[in-house]
Every structure is written in C-alpha cells, then in structure tokens.
Amino acid sequence: MFETLLNFLFPPRCPACQRYVEVRGGWCAACLAKAAAVRRLRTTIEERDAIAEAWALGIYEGALRDLVRHLKYQKKMDALPCLQTFLHAVEEDFFRAADVSPHPVAVPVPLFAAKEKKRGFNQTELIFKDWLKEHAIPMERLLVRTRATKPQYGLSKEERRENLRGAFSVPAEKQQDVRGRDVLLLDDIYTTGVTCAECARALKKAGARNIIVLALTSGQK
C-alpha cells in the first residue's frame, strides 16, 4: 500500500531521461542500452602480472556517472535501486564473457579508514553487496588502505602510481583467507587501472591465485 501511494505521489522515472517507468529504480530500455557496455579493459604487461582480466559494466558518463557521484559525494541512497537494476541488466553478458571461477571471493577496493568514517560507507560495497548475495558470492574485507593518499583526479598515470605505491596491504590475520583463492576485485570507477593494480599486487603477495577486476563503470572505450 505504501509503495502504491509513493508511486502515485512520486511516479518512478528513468534516471537518464526522466520518462515514467513501471518500478522504482527502473530505466527505460533505450537509456539502459546506452549506459550498458560490458567489455574487457586494456591492461599493461606490468599490470597483467597481478590482474588476469579487468572488466567494466558500463560507460562512465551520463546518468550512470551521475548516479555514482550522487551516491559517493552526496550520500544519495536513492541511487542504489537504479544501480541494482543496471547490474541485473548486464550480469548475463558479464558472466558469459568473463573467466570467473565457480567460487570466487569478492574484495572491494578499500577506503582509508578516516575517509570511510567521514563518508559513512564504502560506495563500492554498497553498489555490489546485494547483487553479490544473489549470486552467492561472498564479499570480504581482505584489503586495507594503509595510509591516506592524495586525490587521484588530475594526476598522470605515473603520478597516480607513485601516489598509491605501497598504499594497500592484506593484514597478517587475513592472509590465510586470501591464500590460494580466486578474487573478484571490485571498484566503482576504473580510470587508469593504477588503483586496482596496486590492490591486486597486495593480494598476490598474500597468496591470491587468480584476480579478476570488476568495475561498475569506466571511461575506457
């Protein structure tokens, strides 16, 4: 009854074009198709020492970019239903194309503790949490960010690499949970790949077997 009343007062609309849609969090077919772009991302020879494959599910532009920003910087939780709908729309293409092992563990790229406390959440965890449960993929915090780093925006790839060098690790008490396991390394935005590569190296050092990066969005075409 509450949902019916809510839909009457505030009709659900596509986050991209604002057309009426049937359910809250839904997209119109045209906008969803425009945002979806499941693709394997380019990685360097150096990155491939730690990363087996890197994948993005959508293009970091338009409504998808706005939803991530609204969640990340403005704490707008109403972005989550739209992102869940998006994940369901692209999941079949991803699992058909990516070489995901039968029983991976999902590991989100961590925030520095002080930054997460200030924000109140890790946006990558919120984006993927329910979707992973539906696929029976456990998500575990096996990585920590060991120090605060400068914002990556505006830095070159080399500057980003230097900024993040040694910034991630697997705590000693978690290393037994990493050793020999296949990892689905999660991030919200894949830009240059430096962050995910540094995380993957820390996981490899702790004994992870196969690491596949899964990013919600990327500007890489």
C-alpha atoms as a PDB file:
ATOM      1  CA  MET A   1       0.000   0.000   0.000  1.00  0.00           C
ATOM      2  CA  PHE A   2       2.851   2.357   0.897  1.00  0.00           C
ATOM      3  CA  GLU A   3       4.622   1.590  -2.384  1.00  0.00           C
ATOM      4  CA  THR A   4       1.416   2.273  -4.337  1.00  0.00           C
ATOM      5  CA  LEU A   5       0.941   5.604  -2.569  1.00  0.00           C
ATOM      6  CA  LEU A   6       4.597   6.540  -3.094  1.00  0.00           C
ATOM      7  CA  ASN A   7       4.374   5.754  -6.805  1.00  0.00           C
ATOM      8  CA  PHE A   8       1.203   7.831  -7.077  1.00  0.00           C
ATOM      9  CA  LEU A   9       2.743  10.859  -5.365  1.00  0.00           C
ATOM     10  CA  PHE A  10       6.221  10.470  -6.876  1.00  0.00           C
ATOM     11  CA  PRO A  11       5.984   8.387 -10.064  1.00  0.00           C
ATOM     12  CA  PRO A  12       9.146   6.315 -10.742  1.00  0.00           C
ATOM     13  CA  ARG A  13      11.171   7.729 -13.599  1.00  0.00           C
ATOM     14  CA  CYS A  14      14.159   6.686 -15.666  1.00  0.00           C
ATOM     15  CA  PRO A  15      17.297   8.249 -14.130  1.00  0.00           C
ATOM     16  CA  ALA A  16      18.545   9.287 -17.561  1.00  0.00           C
ATOM     17  CA  CYS A  17      15.579  10.729 -19.473  1.00  0.00           C
ATOM     18  CA  GLN A  18      13.009  11.070 -16.662  1.00  0.00           C
ATOM     19  CA  ARG A  19      10.347   9.151 -18.560  1.00  0.00           C
ATOM     20  CA  TYR A  20       7.846   7.208 -16.465  1.00  0.00           C
ATOM     21  CA  VAL A  21       8.904   3.614 -15.721  1.00  0.00           C
ATOM     22  CA  GLU A  22       6.938   0.837 -14.043  1.00  0.00           C
ATOM     23  CA  VAL A  23       9.094   0.269 -10.965  1.00  0.00           C
ATOM     24  CA  ARG A  24      11.205   2.475  -8.732  1.00  0.00           C
ATOM     25  CA  GLY A  25      14.830   2.147  -9.754  1.00  0.00           C
ATOM     26  CA  GLY A  26      13.901   1.169 -13.286  1.00  0.00           C
ATOM     27  CA  TRP A  27      15.318   2.527 -16.530  1.00  0.00           C
ATOM     28  CA  CYS A  28      13.687   2.926 -19.903  1.00  0.00           C
ATOM     29  CA  ALA A  29      15.006   0.372 -22.379  1.00  0.00           C
ATOM     30  CA  ALA A  30      16.745   2.942 -24.597  1.00  0.00           C
ATOM     31  CA  CYS A  31      18.690   4.622 -21.781  1.00  0.00           C
ATOM     32  CA  LEU A  32      19.667   1.321 -20.202  1.00  0.00           C
ATOM     33  CA  ALA A  33      21.030   0.076 -23.513  1.00  0.00           C
ATOM     34  CA  LYS A  34      23.009   3.294 -23.929  1.00  0.00           C
ATOM     35  CA  ALA A  35      24.584   3.030 -20.464  1.00  0.00           C
ATOM     36  CA  ALA A  36      25.423  -0.687 -20.642  1.00  0.00           C
ATOM     37  CA  ALA A  37      28.767  -1.634 -22.153  1.00  0.00           C
ATOM     38  CA  VAL A  38      30.206  -4.875 -20.779  1.00  0.00           C
ATOM     39  CA  ARG A  39      33.768  -5.024 -22.049  1.00  0.00           C
ATOM     40  CA  ARG A  40      37.219  -6.229 -21.197  1.00  0.00           C
ATOM     41  CA  LEU A  41      39.522  -3.351 -20.357  1.00  0.00           C
ATOM     42  CA  ARG A  42      43.066  -2.836 -21.551  1.00  0.00           C
ATOM     43  CA  THR A  43      45.815  -3.651 -19.061  1.00  0.00           C
ATOM     44  CA  THR A  44      49.574  -3.215 -19.379  1.00  0.00           C
ATOM     45  CA  ILE A  45      52.086  -6.057 -19.333  1.00  0.00           C
ATOM     46  CA  GLU A  46      53.144  -4.932 -15.855  1.00  0.00           C
ATOM     47  CA  GLU A  47      49.536  -4.966 -14.601  1.00  0.00           C
ATOM     48  CA  ARG A  48      48.926  -8.410 -16.055  1.00  0.00           C
ATOM     49  CA  ASP A  49      51.473  -9.813 -13.586  1.00  0.00           C
ATOM     50  CA  ALA A  50      48.768  -9.349 -10.960  1.00  0.00           C
ATOM     51  CA  ILE A  51      45.496  -8.956 -12.885  1.00  0.00           C
ATOM     52  CA  ALA A  52      44.220 -11.793 -15.056  1.00  0.00           C
ATOM     53  CA  GLU A  53      41.359  -9.762 -16.559  1.00  0.00           C
ATOM     54  CA  ALA A  54      39.743  -6.366 -15.988  1.00  0.00           C
ATOM     55  CA  TRP A  55      36.095  -5.709 -16.855  1.00  0.00           C
ATOM     56  CA  ALA A  56      33.720  -2.761 -16.781  1.00  0.00           C
ATOM     57  CA  LEU A  57      29.952  -2.996 -16.978  1.00  0.00           C
ATOM     58  CA  GLY A  58      29.028   0.495 -18.116  1.00  0.00           C
ATOM     59  CA  ILE A  59      30.244   3.779 -19.554  1.00  0.00           C
ATOM     60  CA  TYR A  60      31.247   6.457 -17.057  1.00  0.00           C
ATOM     61  CA  GLU A  61      29.102   9.194 -18.499  1.00  0.00           C
ATOM     62  CA  GLY A  62      25.553  10.495 -18.405  1.00  0.00           C
ATOM     63  CA  ALA A  63      23.122   9.010 -15.903  1.00  0.00           C
ATOM     64  CA  LEU A  64      25.437   6.220 -14.742  1.00  0.00           C
ATOM     65  CA  ARG A  65      28.175   8.707 -13.884  1.00  0.00           C
ATOM     66  CA  ASP A  66      25.639  10.936 -12.090  1.00  0.00           C
ATOM     67  CA  LEU A  67      24.253   8.039 -10.037  1.00  0.00           C
ATOM     68  CA  VAL A  68      27.741   7.081  -8.844  1.00  0.00           C
ATOM     69  CA  ARG A  69      28.573  10.689  -7.981  1.00  0.00           C
ATOM     70  CA  HIS A  70      25.286  11.231  -6.159  1.00  0.00           C
ATOM     71  CA  LEU A  71      25.917   8.164  -4.030  1.00  0.00           C
ATOM     72  CA  LYS A  72      29.600   8.809  -3.486  1.00  0.00           C
ATOM     73  CA  TYR A  73      29.682  12.528  -2.790  1.00  0.00           C
ATOM     74  CA  GLN A  74      26.117  13.460  -1.810  1.00  0.00           C
ATOM     75  CA  LYS A  75      25.185  10.232   0.038  1.00  0.00           C
ATOM     76  CA  LYS A  76      22.002   9.855  -2.001  1.00  0.00           C
ATOM     77  CA  MET A  77      20.919   6.287  -1.295  1.00  0.00           C
ATOM     78  CA  ASP A  78      18.090   6.543  -3.817  1.00  0.00           C
ATOM     79  CA  ALA A  79      20.767   5.950  -6.462  1.00  0.00           C
ATOM     80  CA  LEU A  80      21.164   2.340  -5.297  1.00  0.00           C
ATOM     81  CA  PRO A  81      17.920   0.867  -6.763  1.00  0.00           C
ATOM     82  CA  CYS A  82      18.861   2.265 -10.176  1.00  0.00           C
ATOM     83  CA  LEU A  83      22.343   0.773  -9.907  1.00  0.00           C
ATOM     84  CA  GLN A  84      20.882  -2.586  -8.852  1.00  0.00           C
ATOM     85  CA  THR A  85      18.619  -2.584 -11.900  1.00  0.00           C
ATOM     86  CA  PHE A  86      21.644  -1.802 -14.044  1.00  0.00           C
ATOM     87  CA  LEU A  87      23.647  -4.693 -12.574  1.00  0.00           C
ATOM     88  CA  HIS A  88      20.831  -7.142 -13.255  1.00  0.00           C
ATOM     89  CA  ALA A  89      20.597  -5.922 -16.831  1.00  0.00           C
ATOM     90  CA  VAL A  90      24.271  -6.592 -17.614  1.00  0.00           C
ATOM     91  CA  GLU A  91      25.042  -9.619 -15.427  1.00  0.00           C
ATOM     92  CA  GLU A  92      24.364 -12.238 -18.082  1.00  0.00           C
ATOM     93  CA  ASP A  93      26.771 -10.611 -20.532  1.00  0.00           C
ATOM     94  CA  PHE A  94      29.453 -10.340 -17.861  1.00  0.00           C
ATOM     95  CA  PHE A  95      29.292 -13.916 -16.589  1.00  0.00           C
ATOM     96  CA  ARG A  96      29.167 -15.268 -20.125  1.00  0.00           C
ATOM     97  CA  ALA A  97      32.261 -13.347 -21.223  1.00  0.00           C
ATOM     98  CA  ALA A  98      34.488 -13.193 -18.129  1.00  0.00           C
ATOM     99  CA  ASP A  99      36.530 -16.116 -16.872  1.00  0.00           C
ATOM    100  CA  VAL A 100      35.119 -16.003 -13.328  1.00  0.00           C
ATOM    101  CA  SER A 101      35.894 -19.063 -11.242  1.00  0.00           C
ATOM    102  CA  PRO A 102      32.979 -21.033  -9.706  1.00  0.00           C
ATOM    103  CA  HIS A 103      33.731 -19.895  -6.140  1.00  0.00           C
ATOM    104  CA  PRO A 104      35.462 -16.507  -6.030  1.00  0.00           C
ATOM    105  CA  VAL A 105      35.636 -14.164  -3.093  1.00  0.00           C
ATOM    106  CA  ALA A 106      34.721 -10.533  -3.819  1.00  0.00           C
ATOM    107  CA  VAL A 107      37.068  -7.923  -2.350  1.00  0.00           C
ATOM    108  CA  PRO A 108      36.199  -4.214  -2.575  1.00  0.00           C
ATOM    109  CA  VAL A 109      38.879  -1.596  -3.104  1.00  0.00           C
ATOM    110  CA  PRO A 110      39.178  -0.115   0.412  1.00  0.00           C
ATOM    111  CA  LEU A 111      38.970   3.492   1.510  1.00  0.00           C
ATOM    112  CA  PHE A 112      41.339   4.892   4.089  1.00  0.00           C
ATOM    113  CA  ALA A 113      39.673   4.389   7.481  1.00  0.00           C
ATOM    114  CA  ALA A 114      39.332   8.111   8.254  1.00  0.00           C
ATOM    115  CA  LYS A 115      37.805   8.799   4.851  1.00  0.00           C
ATOM    116  CA  GLU A 116      35.306   5.963   5.187  1.00  0.00           C
ATOM    117  CA  LYS A 117      34.339   7.160   8.647  1.00  0.00           C
ATOM    118  CA  LYS A 118      33.716  10.656   7.301  1.00  0.00           C
ATOM    119  CA  ARG A 119      31.701   9.387   4.322  1.00  0.00           C
ATOM    120  CA  GLY A 120      29.909   6.766   6.363  1.00  0.00           C
ATOM    121  CA  PHE A 121      30.310   3.913   3.886  1.00  0.00           C
ATOM    122  CA  ASN A 122      32.397   2.395   1.124  1.00  0.00           C
ATOM    123  CA  GLN A 123      30.369   3.110  -2.004  1.00  0.00           C
ATOM    124  CA  THR A 124      31.754   0.081  -3.859  1.00  0.00           C
ATOM    125  CA  GLU A 125      30.467  -2.229  -1.130  1.00  0.00           C
ATOM    126  CA  LEU A 126      27.010  -0.648  -1.252  1.00  0.00           C
ATOM    127  CA  ILE A 127      26.809  -0.911  -5.044  1.00  0.00           C
ATOM    128  CA  PHE A 128      27.694  -4.601  -5.246  1.00  0.00           C
ATOM    129  CA  LYS A 129      26.538  -6.015  -1.870  1.00  0.00           C
ATOM    130  CA  ASP A 130      23.001  -7.197  -2.688  1.00  0.00           C
ATOM    131  CA  TRP A 131      23.922  -8.267  -6.209  1.00  0.00           C
ATOM    132  CA  LEU A 132      26.718 -10.486  -4.897  1.00  0.00           C
ATOM    133  CA  LYS A 133      24.382 -12.100  -2.374  1.00  0.00           C
ATOM    134  CA  GLU A 134      22.007 -13.038  -5.172  1.00  0.00           C
ATOM    135  CA  HIS A 135      24.885 -14.820  -6.916  1.00  0.00           C
ATOM    136  CA  ALA A 136      26.124 -16.461  -3.691  1.00  0.00           C
ATOM    137  CA  ILE A 137      29.493 -14.684  -3.963  1.00  0.00           C
ATOM    138  CA  PRO A 138      30.852 -13.733  -0.527  1.00  0.00           C
ATOM    139  CA  MET A 139      32.299 -10.266  -0.080  1.00  0.00           C
ATOM    140  CA  GLU A 140      35.115  -9.941   2.428  1.00  0.00           C
ATOM    141  CA  ARG A 141      37.246  -7.021   3.547  1.00  0.00           C
ATOM    142  CA  LEU A 142      40.613  -8.617   2.908  1.00  0.00           C
ATOM    143  CA  LEU A 143      42.416  -5.408   1.928  1.00  0.00           C
ATOM    144  CA  VAL A 144      43.177  -2.264   3.897  1.00  0.00           C
ATOM    145  CA  ARG A 145      44.465   1.101   2.772  1.00  0.00           C
ATOM    146  CA  THR A 146      47.493   1.685   4.967  1.00  0.00           C
ATOM    147  CA  ARG A 147      47.785   5.455   4.576  1.00  0.00           C
ATOM    148  CA  ALA A 148      45.926   8.489   3.315  1.00  0.00           C
ATOM    149  CA  THR A 149      46.696   9.387  -0.300  1.00  0.00           C
ATOM    150  CA  LYS A 150      46.143  12.465  -2.410  1.00  0.00           C
ATOM    151  CA  PRO A 151      43.025  12.561  -4.605  1.00  0.00           C
ATOM    152  CA  GLN A 152      43.784  10.869  -7.916  1.00  0.00           C
ATOM    153  CA  TYR A 153      41.837  13.374 -10.002  1.00  0.00           C
ATOM    154  CA  GLY A 154      44.111  15.408 -12.261  1.00  0.00           C
ATOM    155  CA  LEU A 155      47.182  13.216 -11.726  1.00  0.00           C
ATOM    156  CA  SER A 156      49.002  11.478 -14.565  1.00  0.00           C
ATOM    157  CA  LYS A 157      49.201   7.699 -14.562  1.00  0.00           C
ATOM    158  CA  GLU A 158      52.774   7.806 -13.263  1.00  0.00           C
ATOM    159  CA  GLU A 159      51.790  10.283 -10.540  1.00  0.00           C
ATOM    160  CA  ARG A 160      48.878   8.046  -9.580  1.00  0.00           C
ATOM    161  CA  ARG A 161      51.191   5.059  -9.404  1.00  0.00           C
ATOM    162  CA  GLU A 162      53.616   6.903  -7.126  1.00  0.00           C
ATOM    163  CA  ASN A 163      50.749   8.234  -5.010  1.00  0.00           C
ATOM    164  CA  LEU A 164      49.415   4.710  -4.372  1.00  0.00           C
ATOM    165  CA  ARG A 165      52.659   2.773  -4.185  1.00  0.00           C
ATOM    166  CA  GLY A 166      52.508   0.533  -1.111  1.00  0.00           C
ATOM    167  CA  ALA A 167      49.168   2.030  -0.008  1.00  0.00           C
ATOM    168  CA  PHE A 168      47.352  -1.324   0.194  1.00  0.00           C
ATOM    169  CA  SER A 169      48.015  -4.496   2.109  1.00  0.00           C
ATOM    170  CA  VAL A 170      46.415  -7.661   3.405  1.00  0.00           C
ATOM    171  CA  PRO A 171      46.597  -7.678   7.235  1.00  0.00           C
ATOM    172  CA  ALA A 172      48.525 -10.587   8.719  1.00  0.00           C
ATOM    173  CA  GLU A 173      45.386 -12.048  10.299  1.00  0.00           C
ATOM    174  CA  LYS A 174      43.619 -12.054   6.903  1.00  0.00           C
ATOM    175  CA  GLN A 175      46.351 -13.653   4.810  1.00  0.00           C
ATOM    176  CA  GLN A 176      45.106 -17.175   5.424  1.00  0.00           C
ATOM    177  CA  ASP A 177      41.744 -16.063   3.987  1.00  0.00           C
ATOM    178  CA  VAL A 178      43.458 -14.922   0.776  1.00  0.00           C
ATOM    179  CA  ARG A 179      45.952 -17.708   0.146  1.00  0.00           C
ATOM    180  CA  GLY A 180      45.006 -19.890  -2.823  1.00  0.00           C
ATOM    181  CA  ARG A 181      41.704 -18.143  -3.513  1.00  0.00           C
ATOM    182  CA  ASP A 182      40.310 -16.620  -6.692  1.00  0.00           C
ATOM    183  CA  VAL A 183      39.392 -12.969  -6.207  1.00  0.00           C
ATOM    184  CA  LEU A 184      36.842 -10.689  -7.833  1.00  0.00           C
ATOM    185  CA  LEU A 185      38.342  -7.261  -7.121  1.00  0.00           C
ATOM    186  CA  LEU A 186      35.580  -4.633  -7.085  1.00  0.00           C
ATOM    187  CA  ASP A 187      35.696  -0.912  -7.819  1.00  0.00           C
ATOM    188  CA  ASP A 188      33.140   1.720  -8.716  1.00  0.00           C
ATOM    189  CA  ILE A 189      35.179   3.526 -11.387  1.00  0.00           C
ATOM    190  CA  TYR A 190      38.134   2.189 -13.384  1.00  0.00           C
ATOM    191  CA  THR A 191      40.166   5.114 -14.716  1.00  0.00           C
ATOM    192  CA  THR A 192      43.814   4.299 -15.392  1.00  0.00           C
ATOM    193  CA  GLY A 193      43.820   0.962 -13.566  1.00  0.00           C
ATOM    194  CA  VAL A 194      46.542   2.015 -11.127  1.00  0.00           C
ATOM    195  CA  THR A 195      44.387   1.593  -8.005  1.00  0.00           C
ATOM    196  CA  CYS A 196      43.219  -1.884  -8.950  1.00  0.00           C
ATOM    197  CA  ALA A 197      46.733  -2.924  -9.967  1.00  0.00           C
ATOM    198  CA  GLU A 198      48.144  -1.876  -6.582  1.00  0.00           C
ATOM    199  CA  CYS A 199      45.355  -3.742  -4.791  1.00  0.00           C
ATOM    200  CA  ALA A 200      45.928  -6.824  -6.932  1.00  0.00           C
ATOM    201  CA  ARG A 201      49.652  -6.820  -6.167  1.00  0.00           C
ATOM    202  CA  ALA A 202      48.905  -6.770  -2.443  1.00  0.00           C
ATOM    203  CA  LEU A 203      46.504  -9.697  -2.859  1.00  0.00           C
ATOM    204  CA  LYS A 204      49.014 -11.619  -4.961  1.00  0.00           C
ATOM    205  CA  LYS A 205      51.709 -11.022  -2.376  1.00  0.00           C
ATOM    206  CA  ALA A 206      49.379 -12.575   0.213  1.00  0.00           C
ATOM    207  CA  GLY A 207      48.902 -15.646  -1.980  1.00  0.00           C
ATOM    208  CA  ALA A 208      45.775 -14.983  -4.039  1.00  0.00           C
ATOM    209  CA  ARG A 209      45.590 -17.244  -7.070  1.00  0.00           C
ATOM    210  CA  ASN A 210      43.603 -15.541  -9.851  1.00  0.00           C
ATOM    211  CA  ILE A 211      42.394 -11.931  -9.742  1.00  0.00           C
ATOM    212  CA  ILE A 212      39.687 -10.503 -11.983  1.00  0.00           C
ATOM    213  CA  VAL A 213      38.819  -6.818 -11.682  1.00  0.00           C
ATOM    214  CA  LEU A 214      35.157  -5.882 -11.944  1.00  0.00           C
ATOM    215  CA  ALA A 215      34.357  -2.162 -12.144  1.00  0.00           C
ATOM    216  CA  LEU A 216      30.866  -0.763 -12.383  1.00  0.00           C
ATOM    217  CA  THR A 217      31.984   1.934 -14.819  1.00  0.00           C
ATOM    218  CA  SER A 218      34.944   3.096 -16.852  1.00  0.00           C
ATOM    219  CA  GLY A 219      35.654   5.876 -19.306  1.00  0.00           C
ATOM    220  CA  GLN A 220      37.868   3.480 -21.251  1.00  0.00           C
ATOM    221  CA  LYS A 221      36.114   2.652 -24.531  1.00  0.00           C
END
